[in-house]
Structure formats: structure tokens, C-alpha cells
Protein backbone atom coordinates (compact mmCIF):
# COMPACT_ATOMS: atom_id res chain seq x y z
CA MET A 1 -51.48 32.14 16.47
CA LEU A 2 -53.60 29.21 15.34
CA GLY A 3 -51.47 28.79 12.22
CA LYS A 4 -48.25 28.44 14.21
CA PHE A 5 -49.86 25.99 16.63
CA LEU A 6 -51.22 23.97 13.72
CA ASN A 7 -47.77 23.94 12.11
CA LEU A 8 -46.18 22.60 15.30
CA VAL A 9 -48.84 19.92 15.66
CA LEU A 10 -48.30 18.85 12.06
CA LEU A 11 -44.55 18.74 12.58
CA PHE A 12 -45.11 16.42 15.54
CA VAL A 13 -47.47 14.21 13.50
CA ALA A 14 -44.90 14.06 10.69
CA PHE A 15 -42.19 13.07 13.18
CA VAL A 16 -44.35 10.25 14.55
CA LEU A 17 -45.02 9.05 10.98
CA PHE A 18 -41.29 9.15 10.25
CA LEU A 19 -40.51 7.02 13.29
CA ALA A 20 -43.25 4.55 12.34
CA ILE A 21 -41.92 4.25 8.77
CA LEU A 22 -38.34 3.93 10.01
CA ASN A 23 -39.27 1.16 12.46
CA ALA A 24 -41.48 -0.68 9.98
CA TRP A 25 -39.32 -0.63 6.84
CA GLY A 26 -35.83 0.47 7.80
CA PRO A 27 -33.66 3.41 6.72
CA ILE A 28 -33.43 2.85 2.93
CA PRO A 29 -37.19 2.91 2.17
CA ALA A 30 -37.59 5.85 4.55
CA LEU A 31 -34.88 7.75 2.65
CA LEU A 32 -36.55 6.93 -0.69
CA ASN A 33 -39.88 8.09 0.75
CA ILE A 34 -38.32 11.44 1.69
CA ILE A 35 -36.61 11.92 -1.69
CA ILE A 36 -39.80 11.15 -3.61
CA ALA A 37 -41.76 13.56 -1.40
CA LEU A 38 -39.23 16.38 -1.94
CA VAL A 39 -39.32 15.89 -5.72
CA ALA A 40 -43.13 15.82 -5.61
CA LEU A 41 -43.14 19.04 -3.55
CA LYS A 42 -41.10 20.70 -6.27
CA PHE A 43 -43.43 19.55 -9.05
CA ILE A 44 -46.73 20.05 -7.19
CA GLY A 45 -46.84 23.69 -8.27
CA TRP A 46 -47.43 22.59 -11.87
CA LEU A 47 -50.79 21.18 -10.78
CA GLY A 48 -51.89 24.59 -9.55
CA ILE A 49 -51.58 23.76 -5.87
CA ARG A 50 -49.66 26.56 -4.22
CA ILE A 51 -47.74 25.47 -1.13
CA GLU A 52 -45.64 28.01 0.70
CA VAL A 53 -42.16 26.52 0.96
CA ASN A 54 -40.69 27.56 4.29
CA ILE A 55 -38.79 25.85 7.08
CA TRP A 56 -41.94 24.26 8.54
CA SER A 57 -43.20 22.81 5.29
CA LEU A 58 -39.74 21.45 4.45
CA LEU A 59 -39.40 19.88 7.91
CA ILE A 60 -42.80 18.24 7.59
CA VAL A 61 -41.86 16.79 4.20
CA LEU A 62 -38.39 15.73 5.39
CA ILE A 63 -39.73 14.03 8.48
CA GLY A 64 -43.08 12.80 7.17
CA GLY A 65 -42.20 11.95 3.59
CA ILE A 66 -45.18 11.27 1.31
CA PRO A 67 -47.77 11.29 4.15
CA GLY A 68 -46.39 14.65 5.24
CA LEU A 69 -46.68 15.95 1.69
CA LEU A 70 -50.29 14.77 1.53
CA ILE A 71 -51.01 16.67 4.75
CA LEU A 72 -49.43 19.81 3.28
CA ILE A 73 -51.49 19.47 0.10
CA PHE A 74 -54.71 19.04 2.11
CA LEU A 75 -53.97 22.07 4.28
CA SER A 76 -53.00 24.19 1.29
CA VAL A 77 -56.11 23.28 -0.71
CA THR A 78 -58.44 23.89 2.23
CA GLY A 79 -56.66 27.15 3.07
CA LEU A 80 -55.89 26.23 6.69
CA ALA A 81 -52.10 26.55 6.45
CA PHE A 82 -49.14 26.61 4.06
CA GLY A 83 -51.09 28.30 1.27
CA GLN A 84 -49.36 31.12 -0.53
CA LYS A 85 -50.96 34.52 -0.31
CA LYS A 86 -52.76 35.48 -3.48
CA GLU A 87 -51.42 38.61 -5.06
CA SER A 88 -53.98 41.35 -5.57
CA LYS A 89 -53.94 43.21 -8.86
CA LYS A 90 -53.83 46.98 -8.65
């Protein structure tokens, strides 16, 4: 329950950041911000940071760009949200 609420709050924060970036810099830098964040999301797994890629994490990165990605990294590292489940060895 808390995880879903936290995801919705983060989506709202990412949307506000997107509107602020769009108003401050215009559409082209905002689009570049989103593209760089999506590429970084793809390559972040090589650093050992496991982020669960689902609709919420993609929406946060698409709307928030690099600040949204930084929020996802923080939440994944701290274990609050968007972290992949560790597989147990049997």
C-alpha cells in the first residue's frame, strides 16, 4: 500500500519537475533531458544498481527526466521502492 502511494507521489513530483523544465528551457532541452535519462536508465544496471523497470518507473523517467532518474536511483538504493527483488538460491 505504501509503495503504491509513494509511486503516485513520485509520479506527481516528476510531472511538476517536467512542467518546470518545460517552462524554463523550452521543448528541445526537455526532450534531450528525457532521452539522456532513458539511456542512463538502460545503462544504470551496469553499475550494480537494480531498478525495476515497470510502467511507473518509465513514467517517472519520461516525465521527470534526469531528476526523475535520480529519484529512482535513490529509492532503489535505499530499498524504499523500485528495487528488484533479490533471487534466493535454493
